[in-house]
Amino acid sequence: MPKKKILVAPLNWGLGHATRCIPIINALEANNFEPIIASDGSALALLKKEFPHLKFYELPSYDIRYAKKGYFFKSKILLKTFKISKTITEERKIALEIYTKEDLSGIISDNRLGVNCKFIPSVFITHQLNVLSGKTTYFSSKLHQRYIKKFKECWVPDLEQEPNLSGKLGHLKEKNDFQLKYIGPLSRLNKRELPIIYDLMVMLSGPEPQRTLLEEKLLHELKDDPRKIIFIRGVMDEVQTKETRENLTIYNFLIGKALENAFNQSENILARSGYTTLMDLAKLEKKAFFIPTPGQTEQIYLAKRLQENNIAPYCKQHHFTIEKLEEIKLYQGLRFGNSIPEWSDMFSLF
């Protein structure tokens, strides 16, 4: 009997959406499904490296870039509204074409609003039931929820009760009218008892130009630091590169076991406060310092929430100095338990 084919389509906004789809893709294969992957840009490049044996389709890009000044980010997104709407329409058309060509049995879309199909069960994955946008939060949240209703189910990678990772992002005060499932945090990493080699791991990700701006700032700050540091730039080039500068070991990217080992062999982590990073560090039970992307309300909210709960410190990008890393020892670190999703039950939808 041929395997049922499931389309997995993560958003290309940094690498977080793609990396948190890795355990889903592994689980699909373990449960005798055939995953087919669709995305664009760095997210697609990453998944091609992780799963070279699978079939891939390229989707249109949302073409999201951050402003150089954080306070312009919201304005830049608003100016992209027409482009995003057009991309969602194109996604629907391509999803239907893939359904027809591959005879799909289901779709799992991680924040790609147009990747669904009325002929088969379509699942939407998000940790943002509420989209924080300042004074327009109510309207941006309602718009997002309207798109979610087009899917058969919505899977939230978090715990339903406190303590949880997403806070008000992933939890609604009012009763919703779509099928909601809390599946627990997702991470492609596993905690392993390995000797500590690095005092600090720097893990960069996210759209340009803010990724590059933070890289330049951190390389300047860390160049004379006595600690042993592994620096992952988060750039998905064709070929992996490694460079050594005094105390710094710099990679353009790491994947698979090499990345898992690097995390486990590092005492502390310095990273953006993206939600996927939080899920990874919670599973690994790591201490961290966060620098939220300027202007990205979601990351700022998550970083503030962690600091207020005495879990991890943070600061604004332009305020960061190497001395601030001393604050890490004053916080308890991320640790939210390791719940395992009931994959067979979840995949019974297909």
C-alpha atoms as a PDB file:
ATOM      1  CA  MET A   1       0.000   0.000   0.000  1.00  0.00           C
ATOM      2  CA  PRO A   2       1.527   3.379  -0.962  1.00  0.00           C
ATOM      3  CA  LYS A   3       2.327   5.832   1.803  1.00  0.00           C
ATOM      4  CA  LYS A   4       0.039   8.824   2.298  1.00  0.00           C
ATOM      5  CA  LYS A   5       1.715  12.066   1.216  1.00  0.00           C
ATOM      6  CA  ILE A   6       1.682  15.074   3.561  1.00  0.00           C
ATOM      7  CA  LEU A   7       2.840  18.518   2.451  1.00  0.00           C
ATOM      8  CA  VAL A   8       4.898  20.349   5.110  1.00  0.00           C
ATOM      9  CA  ALA A   9       5.257  24.073   4.386  1.00  0.00           C
ATOM     10  CA  PRO A  10       7.135  26.361   6.823  1.00  0.00           C
ATOM     11  CA  LEU A  11       7.316  30.134   6.512  1.00  0.00           C
ATOM     12  CA  ASN A  12      10.708  31.544   5.518  1.00  0.00           C
ATOM     13  CA  TRP A  13      11.101  34.199   8.225  1.00  0.00           C
ATOM     14  CA  GLY A  14      14.431  33.402   9.795  1.00  0.00           C
ATOM     15  CA  LEU A  15      15.042  29.676  10.281  1.00  0.00           C
ATOM     16  CA  GLY A  16      12.765  29.021  13.256  1.00  0.00           C
ATOM     17  CA  HIS A  17       9.679  27.894  11.358  1.00  0.00           C
ATOM     18  CA  ALA A  18      11.755  25.459   9.305  1.00  0.00           C
ATOM     19  CA  THR A  19      13.711  24.020  12.233  1.00  0.00           C
ATOM     20  CA  ARG A  20      10.623  23.371  14.334  1.00  0.00           C
ATOM     21  CA  CYS A  21       9.165  21.433  11.400  1.00  0.00           C
ATOM     22  CA  ILE A  22      12.110  19.002  11.545  1.00  0.00           C
ATOM     23  CA  PRO A  23      10.633  16.885  14.386  1.00  0.00           C
ATOM     24  CA  ILE A  24       7.280  16.878  12.554  1.00  0.00           C
ATOM     25  CA  ILE A  25       8.903  15.620   9.357  1.00  0.00           C
ATOM     26  CA  ASN A  26      10.790  12.946  11.320  1.00  0.00           C
ATOM     27  CA  ALA A  27       7.563  11.900  13.053  1.00  0.00           C
ATOM     28  CA  LEU A  28       5.709  11.661   9.732  1.00  0.00           C
ATOM     29  CA  GLU A  29       8.358   9.322   8.372  1.00  0.00           C
ATOM     30  CA  ALA A  30       8.334   7.264  11.585  1.00  0.00           C
ATOM     31  CA  ASN A  31       4.546   6.891  11.253  1.00  0.00           C
ATOM     32  CA  ASN A  32       4.753   5.659   7.652  1.00  0.00           C
ATOM     33  CA  PHE A  33       3.816   8.885   5.862  1.00  0.00           C
ATOM     34  CA  GLU A  34       5.742  10.462   2.990  1.00  0.00           C
ATOM     35  CA  PRO A  35       6.524  14.126   3.761  1.00  0.00           C
ATOM     36  CA  ILE A  36       6.825  16.546   0.867  1.00  0.00           C
ATOM     37  CA  ILE A  37       8.386  19.916   1.683  1.00  0.00           C
ATOM     38  CA  ALA A  38       7.488  23.332   0.300  1.00  0.00           C
ATOM     39  CA  SER A  39       9.065  26.652   1.254  1.00  0.00           C
ATOM     40  CA  ASP A  40      11.499  29.260  -0.105  1.00  0.00           C
ATOM     41  CA  GLY A  41      14.840  30.899   0.594  1.00  0.00           C
ATOM     42  CA  SER A  42      16.925  29.907   3.611  1.00  0.00           C
ATOM     43  CA  ALA A  43      14.148  27.779   5.117  1.00  0.00           C
ATOM     44  CA  LEU A  44      14.026  25.641   1.980  1.00  0.00           C
ATOM     45  CA  ALA A  45      17.840  25.448   1.804  1.00  0.00           C
ATOM     46  CA  LEU A  46      18.028  24.257   5.421  1.00  0.00           C
ATOM     47  CA  LEU A  47      15.432  21.522   4.965  1.00  0.00           C
ATOM     48  CA  LYS A  48      17.110  20.330   1.772  1.00  0.00           C
ATOM     49  CA  LYS A  49      20.300  19.812   3.804  1.00  0.00           C
ATOM     50  CA  GLU A  50      18.417  18.017   6.599  1.00  0.00           C
ATOM     51  CA  PHE A  51      16.289  15.820   4.301  1.00  0.00           C
ATOM     52  CA  PRO A  52      18.092  15.397   0.962  1.00  0.00           C
ATOM     53  CA  HIS A  53      16.028  12.263   0.181  1.00  0.00           C
ATOM     54  CA  LEU A  54      12.666  14.059   0.175  1.00  0.00           C
ATOM     55  CA  LYS A  55      10.799  15.865  -2.604  1.00  0.00           C
ATOM     56  CA  PHE A  56      10.742  19.687  -2.526  1.00  0.00           C
ATOM     57  CA  TYR A  57       8.655  22.474  -4.041  1.00  0.00           C
ATOM     58  CA  GLU A  58       9.473  26.192  -4.038  1.00  0.00           C
ATOM     59  CA  LEU A  59       6.807  28.611  -2.841  1.00  0.00           C
ATOM     60  CA  PRO A  60       6.649  32.372  -3.529  1.00  0.00           C
ATOM     61  CA  SER A  61       8.520  34.544  -1.049  1.00  0.00           C
ATOM     62  CA  TYR A  62       6.822  36.949   1.362  1.00  0.00           C
ATOM     63  CA  ASP A  63      10.021  38.988   0.936  1.00  0.00           C
ATOM     64  CA  ILE A  64      10.059  40.280   4.516  1.00  0.00           C
ATOM     65  CA  ARG A  65      13.062  42.376   5.494  1.00  0.00           C
ATOM     66  CA  TYR A  66      13.505  44.245   8.741  1.00  0.00           C
ATOM     67  CA  ALA A  67      14.087  47.970   8.805  1.00  0.00           C
ATOM     68  CA  LYS A  68      17.527  49.128   9.943  1.00  0.00           C
ATOM     69  CA  LYS A  69      15.771  51.158  12.636  1.00  0.00           C
ATOM     70  CA  GLY A  70      13.410  49.052  14.746  1.00  0.00           C
ATOM     71  CA  TYR A  71      10.722  51.712  15.020  1.00  0.00           C
ATOM     72  CA  PHE A  72      10.241  51.574  11.218  1.00  0.00           C
ATOM     73  CA  PHE A  73       9.505  47.821  11.260  1.00  0.00           C
ATOM     74  CA  LYS A  74       5.728  48.154  11.617  1.00  0.00           C
ATOM     75  CA  SER A  75       5.562  50.735   8.824  1.00  0.00           C
ATOM     76  CA  LYS A  76       7.604  48.498   6.554  1.00  0.00           C
ATOM     77  CA  ILE A  77       5.241  45.565   7.173  1.00  0.00           C
ATOM     78  CA  LEU A  78       2.213  47.766   6.410  1.00  0.00           C
ATOM     79  CA  LEU A  79       3.796  48.832   3.129  1.00  0.00           C
ATOM     80  CA  LYS A  80       4.213  45.134   2.279  1.00  0.00           C
ATOM     81  CA  THR A  81       0.512  44.332   2.879  1.00  0.00           C
ATOM     82  CA  PHE A  82      -0.373  44.125  -0.808  1.00  0.00           C
ATOM     83  CA  LYS A  83       2.687  41.961  -1.548  1.00  0.00           C
ATOM     84  CA  ILE A  84       1.829  39.594   1.335  1.00  0.00           C
ATOM     85  CA  SER A  85      -1.809  39.340   0.222  1.00  0.00           C
ATOM     86  CA  LYS A  86      -0.689  38.550  -3.341  1.00  0.00           C
ATOM     87  CA  THR A  87       1.722  35.896  -2.046  1.00  0.00           C
ATOM     88  CA  ILE A  88      -1.046  34.225  -0.023  1.00  0.00           C
ATOM     89  CA  THR A  89      -3.158  34.004  -3.189  1.00  0.00           C
ATOM     90  CA  GLU A  90      -0.222  32.510  -5.111  1.00  0.00           C
ATOM     91  CA  GLU A  91       0.360  30.004  -2.294  1.00  0.00           C
ATOM     92  CA  ARG A  92      -3.236  28.768  -2.556  1.00  0.00           C
ATOM     93  CA  LYS A  93      -2.838  28.204  -6.279  1.00  0.00           C
ATOM     94  CA  ILE A  94       0.459  26.307  -5.870  1.00  0.00           C
ATOM     95  CA  ALA A  95      -0.903  24.228  -2.957  1.00  0.00           C
ATOM     96  CA  LEU A  96      -3.784  23.122  -5.207  1.00  0.00           C
ATOM     97  CA  GLU A  97      -1.330  22.254  -7.982  1.00  0.00           C
ATOM     98  CA  ILE A  98       0.803  20.162  -5.593  1.00  0.00           C
ATOM     99  CA  TYR A  99      -2.330  18.454  -4.232  1.00  0.00           C
ATOM    100  CA  THR A 100      -3.345  17.471  -7.758  1.00  0.00           C
ATOM    101  CA  LYS A 101       0.118  16.376  -8.866  1.00  0.00           C
ATOM    102  CA  GLU A 102       1.061  14.429  -5.721  1.00  0.00           C
ATOM    103  CA  ASP A 103      -2.381  13.207  -4.626  1.00  0.00           C
ATOM    104  CA  LEU A 104      -1.828  14.650  -1.156  1.00  0.00           C
ATOM    105  CA  SER A 105      -3.636  13.294   1.910  1.00  0.00           C
ATOM    106  CA  GLY A 106      -2.980  16.340   4.099  1.00  0.00           C
ATOM    107  CA  ILE A 107      -1.156  19.634   4.611  1.00  0.00           C
ATOM    108  CA  ILE A 108       0.803  20.975   7.591  1.00  0.00           C
ATOM    109  CA  SER A 109       1.483  24.695   7.173  1.00  0.00           C
ATOM    110  CA  ASP A 110       3.710  26.510   9.646  1.00  0.00           C
ATOM    111  CA  ASN A 111       2.492  30.108   9.415  1.00  0.00           C
ATOM    112  CA  ARG A 112       2.046  30.065   5.619  1.00  0.00           C
ATOM    113  CA  LEU A 113      -1.442  31.537   5.469  1.00  0.00           C
ATOM    114  CA  GLY A 114      -2.289  30.413   1.930  1.00  0.00           C
ATOM    115  CA  VAL A 115      -1.018  26.827   2.019  1.00  0.00           C
ATOM    116  CA  ASN A 116      -4.256  24.924   2.525  1.00  0.00           C
ATOM    117  CA  CYS A 117      -6.681  22.935   0.399  1.00  0.00           C
ATOM    118  CA  LYS A 118     -10.402  22.411   0.944  1.00  0.00           C
ATOM    119  CA  PHE A 119     -10.247  18.870  -0.451  1.00  0.00           C
ATOM    120  CA  ILE A 120      -7.978  17.459   2.306  1.00  0.00           C
ATOM    121  CA  PRO A 121      -7.343  18.116   6.031  1.00  0.00           C
ATOM    122  CA  SER A 122      -5.091  21.155   6.379  1.00  0.00           C
ATOM    123  CA  VAL A 123      -3.334  22.030   9.660  1.00  0.00           C
ATOM    124  CA  PHE A 124      -1.970  25.440  10.630  1.00  0.00           C
ATOM    125  CA  ILE A 125       0.908  25.623  13.144  1.00  0.00           C
ATOM    126  CA  THR A 126       1.453  28.842  15.072  1.00  0.00           C
ATOM    127  CA  HIS A 127       2.406  30.107  18.520  1.00  0.00           C
ATOM    128  CA  GLN A 128       0.769  33.444  17.669  1.00  0.00           C
ATOM    129  CA  LEU A 129      -2.985  33.247  18.116  1.00  0.00           C
ATOM    130  CA  ASN A 130      -2.604  36.878  19.105  1.00  0.00           C
ATOM    131  CA  VAL A 131      -0.366  39.033  16.894  1.00  0.00           C
ATOM    132  CA  LEU A 132       1.125  41.852  18.955  1.00  0.00           C
ATOM    133  CA  SER A 133       1.296  45.081  16.970  1.00  0.00           C
ATOM    134  CA  GLY A 134       0.905  47.828  19.559  1.00  0.00           C
ATOM    135  CA  LYS A 135      -2.321  49.824  19.265  1.00  0.00           C
ATOM    136  CA  THR A 136      -3.486  47.636  16.361  1.00  0.00           C
ATOM    137  CA  THR A 137      -3.061  44.301  18.234  1.00  0.00           C
ATOM    138  CA  TYR A 138      -6.823  43.615  18.332  1.00  0.00           C
ATOM    139  CA  PHE A 139      -7.181  44.023  14.568  1.00  0.00           C
ATOM    140  CA  SER A 140      -3.977  42.169  13.585  1.00  0.00           C
ATOM    141  CA  SER A 141      -4.993  39.290  15.883  1.00  0.00           C
ATOM    142  CA  LYS A 142      -8.527  39.075  14.465  1.00  0.00           C
ATOM    143  CA  LEU A 143      -7.172  39.131  10.904  1.00  0.00           C
ATOM    144  CA  HIS A 144      -4.738  36.327  11.710  1.00  0.00           C
ATOM    145  CA  GLN A 145      -7.477  34.277  13.382  1.00  0.00           C
ATOM    146  CA  ARG A 146      -9.665  34.714  10.307  1.00  0.00           C
ATOM    147  CA  TYR A 147      -6.986  33.009   8.225  1.00  0.00           C
ATOM    148  CA  ILE A 148      -6.589  30.250  10.844  1.00  0.00           C
ATOM    149  CA  LYS A 149     -10.316  29.418  10.511  1.00  0.00           C
ATOM    150  CA  LYS A 150      -9.685  28.312   6.930  1.00  0.00           C
ATOM    151  CA  PHE A 151      -7.736  25.317   8.268  1.00  0.00           C
ATOM    152  CA  LYS A 152      -9.170  22.098   9.715  1.00  0.00           C
ATOM    153  CA  GLU A 153      -7.060  22.351  12.894  1.00  0.00           C
ATOM    154  CA  CYS A 154      -4.610  24.767  14.520  1.00  0.00           C
ATOM    155  CA  TRP A 155      -1.684  23.240  16.411  1.00  0.00           C
ATOM    156  CA  VAL A 156       0.024  25.425  19.018  1.00  0.00           C
ATOM    157  CA  PRO A 157       3.547  24.247  19.951  1.00  0.00           C
ATOM    158  CA  ASP A 158       3.171  25.041  23.643  1.00  0.00           C
ATOM    159  CA  LEU A 159       1.484  23.890  26.825  1.00  0.00           C
ATOM    160  CA  GLU A 160      -2.114  24.943  27.379  1.00  0.00           C
ATOM    161  CA  GLN A 161      -1.719  25.673  31.105  1.00  0.00           C
ATOM    162  CA  GLU A 162       0.859  27.661  33.059  1.00  0.00           C
ATOM    163  CA  PRO A 163       3.815  27.523  33.087  1.00  0.00           C
ATOM    164  CA  ASN A 164       4.128  27.908  29.326  1.00  0.00           C
ATOM    165  CA  LEU A 165       6.470  29.575  26.839  1.00  0.00           C
ATOM    166  CA  SER A 166       4.239  31.732  24.661  1.00  0.00           C
ATOM    167  CA  GLY A 167       2.111  33.564  27.266  1.00  0.00           C
ATOM    168  CA  LYS A 168      -0.629  35.697  25.723  1.00  0.00           C
ATOM    169  CA  LEU A 169       0.738  35.073  22.219  1.00  0.00           C
ATOM    170  CA  GLY A 170      -0.486  31.487  22.202  1.00  0.00           C
ATOM    171  CA  HIS A 171      -3.450  31.685  24.569  1.00  0.00           C
ATOM    172  CA  LEU A 172      -6.820  33.296  23.964  1.00  0.00           C
ATOM    173  CA  LYS A 173      -8.951  34.923  26.647  1.00  0.00           C
ATOM    174  CA  GLU A 174     -12.106  34.548  24.607  1.00  0.00           C
ATOM    175  CA  LYS A 175     -13.555  31.283  23.332  1.00  0.00           C
ATOM    176  CA  ASN A 176     -12.416  30.609  19.776  1.00  0.00           C
ATOM    177  CA  ASP A 177     -14.445  29.101  16.937  1.00  0.00           C
ATOM    178  CA  PHE A 178     -11.682  27.000  15.355  1.00  0.00           C
ATOM    179  CA  GLN A 179     -10.252  23.608  16.313  1.00  0.00           C
ATOM    180  CA  LEU A 180      -7.291  24.271  18.624  1.00  0.00           C
ATOM    181  CA  LYS A 181      -4.760  21.720  19.890  1.00  0.00           C
ATOM    182  CA  TYR A 182      -1.818  22.364  22.210  1.00  0.00           C
ATOM    183  CA  ILE A 183       0.847  19.871  21.151  1.00  0.00           C
ATOM    184  CA  GLY A 184       3.682  20.875  23.517  1.00  0.00           C
ATOM    185  CA  PRO A 185       6.969  22.631  22.619  1.00  0.00           C
ATOM    186  CA  LEU A 186       8.721  21.364  19.476  1.00  0.00           C
ATOM    187  CA  SER A 187      12.489  20.999  19.163  1.00  0.00           C
ATOM    188  CA  ARG A 188      14.752  19.053  16.830  1.00  0.00           C
ATOM    189  CA  LEU A 189      17.406  18.945  19.591  1.00  0.00           C
ATOM    190  CA  ASN A 190      17.955  16.503  22.454  1.00  0.00           C
ATOM    191  CA  LYS A 191      19.608  17.095  25.803  1.00  0.00           C
ATOM    192  CA  ARG A 192      22.839  15.094  26.060  1.00  0.00           C
ATOM    193  CA  GLU A 193      25.411  14.800  28.829  1.00  0.00           C
ATOM    194  CA  LEU A 194      28.499  16.073  27.012  1.00  0.00           C
ATOM    195  CA  PRO A 195      31.558  17.842  28.434  1.00  0.00           C
ATOM    196  CA  ILE A 196      31.386  21.647  28.256  1.00  0.00           C
ATOM    197  CA  ILE A 197      33.828  22.937  25.620  1.00  0.00           C
ATOM    198  CA  TYR A 198      32.539  26.476  25.051  1.00  0.00           C
ATOM    199  CA  ASP A 199      31.840  29.168  27.638  1.00  0.00           C
ATOM    200  CA  LEU A 200      29.401  30.844  25.251  1.00  0.00           C
ATOM    201  CA  MET A 201      27.485  29.938  22.114  1.00  0.00           C
ATOM    202  CA  VAL A 202      26.223  32.752  19.888  1.00  0.00           C
ATOM    203  CA  MET A 203      23.296  31.657  17.716  1.00  0.00           C
ATOM    204  CA  LEU A 204      22.138  34.166  15.098  1.00  0.00           C
ATOM    205  CA  SER A 205      19.112  33.971  12.798  1.00  0.00           C
ATOM    206  CA  GLY A 206      16.370  36.089  11.286  1.00  0.00           C
ATOM    207  CA  PRO A 207      15.827  38.280   8.226  1.00  0.00           C
ATOM    208  CA  GLU A 208      18.264  40.911   7.046  1.00  0.00           C
ATOM    209  CA  PRO A 209      19.544  43.495   7.640  1.00  0.00           C
ATOM    210  CA  GLN A 210      19.139  42.974  11.398  1.00  0.00           C
ATOM    211  CA  ARG A 211      20.948  39.608  11.398  1.00  0.00           C
ATOM    212  CA  THR A 212      24.044  41.219   9.873  1.00  0.00           C
ATOM    213  CA  LEU A 213      23.847  44.296  12.135  1.00  0.00           C
ATOM    214  CA  LEU A 214      23.854  42.095  15.239  1.00  0.00           C
ATOM    215  CA  GLU A 215      26.630  39.882  13.860  1.00  0.00           C
ATOM    216  CA  GLU A 216      28.879  42.887  13.291  1.00  0.00           C
ATOM    217  CA  LYS A 217      28.162  44.286  16.754  1.00  0.00           C
ATOM    218  CA  LEU A 218      28.793  40.981  18.533  1.00  0.00           C
ATOM    219  CA  LEU A 219      31.987  40.172  16.641  1.00  0.00           C
ATOM    220  CA  HIS A 220      33.307  43.593  17.679  1.00  0.00           C
ATOM    221  CA  GLU A 221      32.253  43.119  21.321  1.00  0.00           C
ATOM    222  CA  LEU A 222      33.602  39.567  21.619  1.00  0.00           C
ATOM    223  CA  LYS A 223      36.914  39.874  19.733  1.00  0.00           C
ATOM    224  CA  ASP A 224      39.037  40.413  22.872  1.00  0.00           C
ATOM    225  CA  ASP A 225      36.908  38.374  25.287  1.00  0.00           C
ATOM    226  CA  PRO A 226      38.900  35.646  27.111  1.00  0.00           C
ATOM    227  CA  ARG A 227      36.057  33.112  26.979  1.00  0.00           C
ATOM    228  CA  LYS A 228      35.976  30.263  24.488  1.00  0.00           C
ATOM    229  CA  ILE A 229      33.115  31.061  22.101  1.00  0.00           C
ATOM    230  CA  ILE A 230      31.384  29.227  19.249  1.00  0.00           C
ATOM    231  CA  PHE A 231      29.689  31.687  16.888  1.00  0.00           C
ATOM    232  CA  ILE A 232      26.960  30.416  14.512  1.00  0.00           C
ATOM    233  CA  ARG A 233      26.179  33.131  11.960  1.00  0.00           C
ATOM    234  CA  GLY A 234      22.920  31.573  10.751  1.00  0.00           C
ATOM    235  CA  VAL A 235      23.686  31.974   7.037  1.00  0.00           C
ATOM    236  CA  MET A 236      22.589  29.023   4.869  1.00  0.00           C
ATOM    237  CA  ASP A 237      25.311  28.980   2.206  1.00  0.00           C
ATOM    238  CA  GLU A 238      25.825  26.075  -0.194  1.00  0.00           C
ATOM    239  CA  VAL A 239      28.973  24.974   1.650  1.00  0.00           C
ATOM    240  CA  GLN A 240      29.642  24.995   5.396  1.00  0.00           C
ATOM    241  CA  THR A 241      32.601  27.170   6.441  1.00  0.00           C
ATOM    242  CA  LYS A 242      34.651  27.358   9.641  1.00  0.00           C
ATOM    243  CA  GLU A 243      36.940  30.169  10.752  1.00  0.00           C
ATOM    244  CA  THR A 244      39.044  30.538  13.889  1.00  0.00           C
ATOM    245  CA  ARG A 245      39.892  33.933  15.370  1.00  0.00           C
ATOM    246  CA  GLU A 246      41.730  33.728  18.690  1.00  0.00           C
ATOM    247  CA  ASN A 247      38.924  32.774  21.128  1.00  0.00           C
ATOM    248  CA  LEU A 248      36.222  32.556  18.448  1.00  0.00           C
ATOM    249  CA  THR A 249      35.229  29.537  16.357  1.00  0.00           C
ATOM    250  CA  ILE A 250      32.903  30.853  13.632  1.00  0.00           C
ATOM    251  CA  TYR A 251      30.583  28.761  11.445  1.00  0.00           C
ATOM    252  CA  ASN A 252      28.220  30.081   8.782  1.00  0.00           C
ATOM    253  CA  PHE A 253      25.744  27.355   9.848  1.00  0.00           C
ATOM    254  CA  LEU A 254      25.462  24.060  11.703  1.00  0.00           C
ATOM    255  CA  ILE A 255      22.764  21.413  11.300  1.00  0.00           C
ATOM    256  CA  GLY A 256      21.837  18.005  12.683  1.00  0.00           C
ATOM    257  CA  LYS A 257      24.059  16.341  15.276  1.00  0.00           C
ATOM    258  CA  ALA A 258      26.784  18.960  14.911  1.00  0.00           C
ATOM    259  CA  LEU A 259      24.365  21.679  16.025  1.00  0.00           C
ATOM    260  CA  GLU A 260      22.941  19.523  18.806  1.00  0.00           C
ATOM    261  CA  ASN A 261      26.457  18.810  20.102  1.00  0.00           C
ATOM    262  CA  ALA A 262      27.414  22.498  19.991  1.00  0.00           C
ATOM    263  CA  PHE A 263      24.401  23.454  22.113  1.00  0.00           C
ATOM    264  CA  ASN A 264      25.046  20.694  24.644  1.00  0.00           C
ATOM    265  CA  GLN A 265      28.750  21.545  24.851  1.00  0.00           C
ATOM    266  CA  SER A 266      28.078  25.244  25.582  1.00  0.00           C
ATOM    267  CA  GLU A 267      27.654  26.675  29.074  1.00  0.00           C
ATOM    268  CA  ASN A 268      25.559  29.705  28.083  1.00  0.00           C
ATOM    269  CA  ILE A 269      23.705  30.865  24.966  1.00  0.00           C
ATOM    270  CA  LEU A 270      23.419  34.343  23.412  1.00  0.00           C
ATOM    271  CA  ALA A 271      20.603  34.595  20.860  1.00  0.00           C
ATOM    272  CA  ARG A 272      17.509  36.337  19.558  1.00  0.00           C
ATOM    273  CA  SER A 273      14.377  35.683  21.599  1.00  0.00           C
ATOM    274  CA  GLY A 274      12.606  33.931  18.733  1.00  0.00           C
ATOM    275  CA  TYR A 275      10.039  31.386  19.849  1.00  0.00           C
ATOM    276  CA  THR A 276      11.774  28.377  18.275  1.00  0.00           C
ATOM    277  CA  THR A 277      15.016  29.298  20.052  1.00  0.00           C
ATOM    278  CA  LEU A 278      13.098  29.400  23.334  1.00  0.00           C
ATOM    279  CA  MET A 279      11.673  25.919  22.696  1.00  0.00           C
ATOM    280  CA  ASP A 280      15.148  24.563  21.902  1.00  0.00           C
ATOM    281  CA  LEU A 281      16.750  26.062  25.006  1.00  0.00           C
ATOM    282  CA  ALA A 282      13.890  24.923  27.240  1.00  0.00           C
ATOM    283  CA  LYS A 283      14.356  21.334  26.065  1.00  0.00           C
ATOM    284  CA  LEU A 284      18.121  21.575  26.585  1.00  0.00           C
ATOM    285  CA  GLU A 285      17.633  23.318  29.977  1.00  0.00           C
ATOM    286  CA  LYS A 286      20.099  26.075  29.138  1.00  0.00           C
ATOM    287  CA  LYS A 287      20.849  29.493  30.587  1.00  0.00           C
ATOM    288  CA  ALA A 288      20.771  32.318  28.070  1.00  0.00           C
ATOM    289  CA  PHE A 289      20.937  36.031  27.331  1.00  0.00           C
ATOM    290  CA  PHE A 290      18.520  37.401  24.726  1.00  0.00           C
ATOM    291  CA  ILE A 291      18.690  40.333  22.315  1.00  0.00           C
ATOM    292  CA  PRO A 292      15.250  40.690  20.664  1.00  0.00           C
ATOM    293  CA  THR A 293      15.146  41.897  17.079  1.00  0.00           C
ATOM    294  CA  PRO A 294      14.535  45.680  17.093  1.00  0.00           C
ATOM    295  CA  GLY A 295      10.912  46.474  16.300  1.00  0.00           C
ATOM    296  CA  GLN A 296       9.689  42.867  16.479  1.00  0.00           C
ATOM    297  CA  THR A 297       7.028  43.118  19.162  1.00  0.00           C
ATOM    298  CA  GLU A 298       6.713  39.356  19.610  1.00  0.00           C
ATOM    299  CA  GLN A 299      10.402  38.856  20.470  1.00  0.00           C
ATOM    300  CA  ILE A 300      10.412  41.870  22.776  1.00  0.00           C
ATOM    301  CA  TYR A 301       7.355  40.530  24.630  1.00  0.00           C
ATOM    302  CA  LEU A 302       8.887  37.047  25.017  1.00  0.00           C
ATOM    303  CA  ALA A 303      12.216  38.453  26.261  1.00  0.00           C
ATOM    304  CA  LYS A 304      10.504  40.742  28.795  1.00  0.00           C
ATOM    305  CA  ARG A 305       8.331  37.871  30.020  1.00  0.00           C
ATOM    306  CA  LEU A 306      11.354  35.635  30.596  1.00  0.00           C
ATOM    307  CA  GLN A 307      13.152  38.360  32.522  1.00  0.00           C
ATOM    308  CA  GLU A 308      10.100  39.174  34.647  1.00  0.00           C
ATOM    309  CA  ASN A 309       9.792  35.470  35.535  1.00  0.00           C
ATOM    310  CA  ASN A 310      13.478  35.316  36.534  1.00  0.00           C
ATOM    311  CA  ILE A 311      14.250  32.883  33.709  1.00  0.00           C
ATOM    312  CA  ALA A 312      16.671  34.829  31.495  1.00  0.00           C
ATOM    313  CA  PRO A 313      17.930  38.426  31.092  1.00  0.00           C
ATOM    314  CA  TYR A 314      17.729  40.535  27.952  1.00  0.00           C
ATOM    315  CA  CYS A 315      18.566  43.984  26.610  1.00  0.00           C
ATOM    316  CA  LYS A 316      17.970  46.084  23.526  1.00  0.00           C
ATOM    317  CA  GLN A 317      20.429  45.587  20.685  1.00  0.00           C
ATOM    318  CA  HIS A 318      22.025  49.023  20.897  1.00  0.00           C
ATOM    319  CA  HIS A 319      22.443  48.675  24.682  1.00  0.00           C
ATOM    320  CA  PHE A 320      24.379  45.410  24.572  1.00  0.00           C
ATOM    321  CA  THR A 321      27.882  45.234  26.012  1.00  0.00           C
ATOM    322  CA  ILE A 322      29.915  42.164  26.903  1.00  0.00           C
ATOM    323  CA  GLU A 323      29.569  42.971  30.609  1.00  0.00           C
ATOM    324  CA  LYS A 324      25.830  42.265  30.447  1.00  0.00           C
ATOM    325  CA  LEU A 325      26.520  38.544  30.045  1.00  0.00           C
ATOM    326  CA  GLU A 326      27.404  38.477  33.756  1.00  0.00           C
ATOM    327  CA  GLU A 327      23.668  38.786  34.440  1.00  0.00           C
ATOM    328  CA  ILE A 328      23.045  35.248  33.165  1.00  0.00           C
ATOM    329  CA  LYS A 329      24.190  33.702  36.468  1.00  0.00           C
ATOM    330  CA  LEU A 330      21.454  35.606  38.337  1.00  0.00           C
ATOM    331  CA  TYR A 331      18.645  33.825  36.452  1.00  0.00           C
ATOM    332  CA  GLN A 332      17.403  30.241  36.666  1.00  0.00           C
ATOM    333  CA  GLY A 333      17.484  29.372  32.943  1.00  0.00           C
ATOM    334  CA  LEU A 334      14.865  27.846  30.663  1.00  0.00           C
ATOM    335  CA  ARG A 335      13.188  24.623  31.769  1.00  0.00           C
ATOM    336  CA  PHE A 336       9.619  23.716  30.873  1.00  0.00           C
ATOM    337  CA  GLY A 337       9.594  19.916  30.897  1.00  0.00           C
ATOM    338  CA  ASN A 338       9.803  17.633  27.893  1.00  0.00           C
ATOM    339  CA  SER A 339       6.317  16.653  26.838  1.00  0.00           C
ATOM    340  CA  ILE A 340       6.265  14.362  23.786  1.00  0.00           C
ATOM    341  CA  PRO A 341       3.528  14.999  21.198  1.00  0.00           C
ATOM    342  CA  GLU A 342       1.110  12.130  20.565  1.00  0.00           C
ATOM    343  CA  TRP A 343       2.026  11.970  16.904  1.00  0.00           C
ATOM    344  CA  SER A 344      -0.078   8.934  16.007  1.00  0.00           C
ATOM    345  CA  ASP A 345      -3.196  10.605  17.426  1.00  0.00           C
ATOM    346  CA  MET A 346      -2.438  13.893  15.704  1.00  0.00           C
ATOM    347  CA  PHE A 347      -1.731  12.258  12.345  1.00  0.00           C
ATOM    348  CA  SER A 348      -4.979  10.274  12.521  1.00  0.00           C
ATOM    349  CA  LEU A 349      -6.524  13.411  11.008  1.00  0.00           C
ATOM    350  CA  PHE A 350      -4.995  12.355   7.685  1.00  0.00           C
END
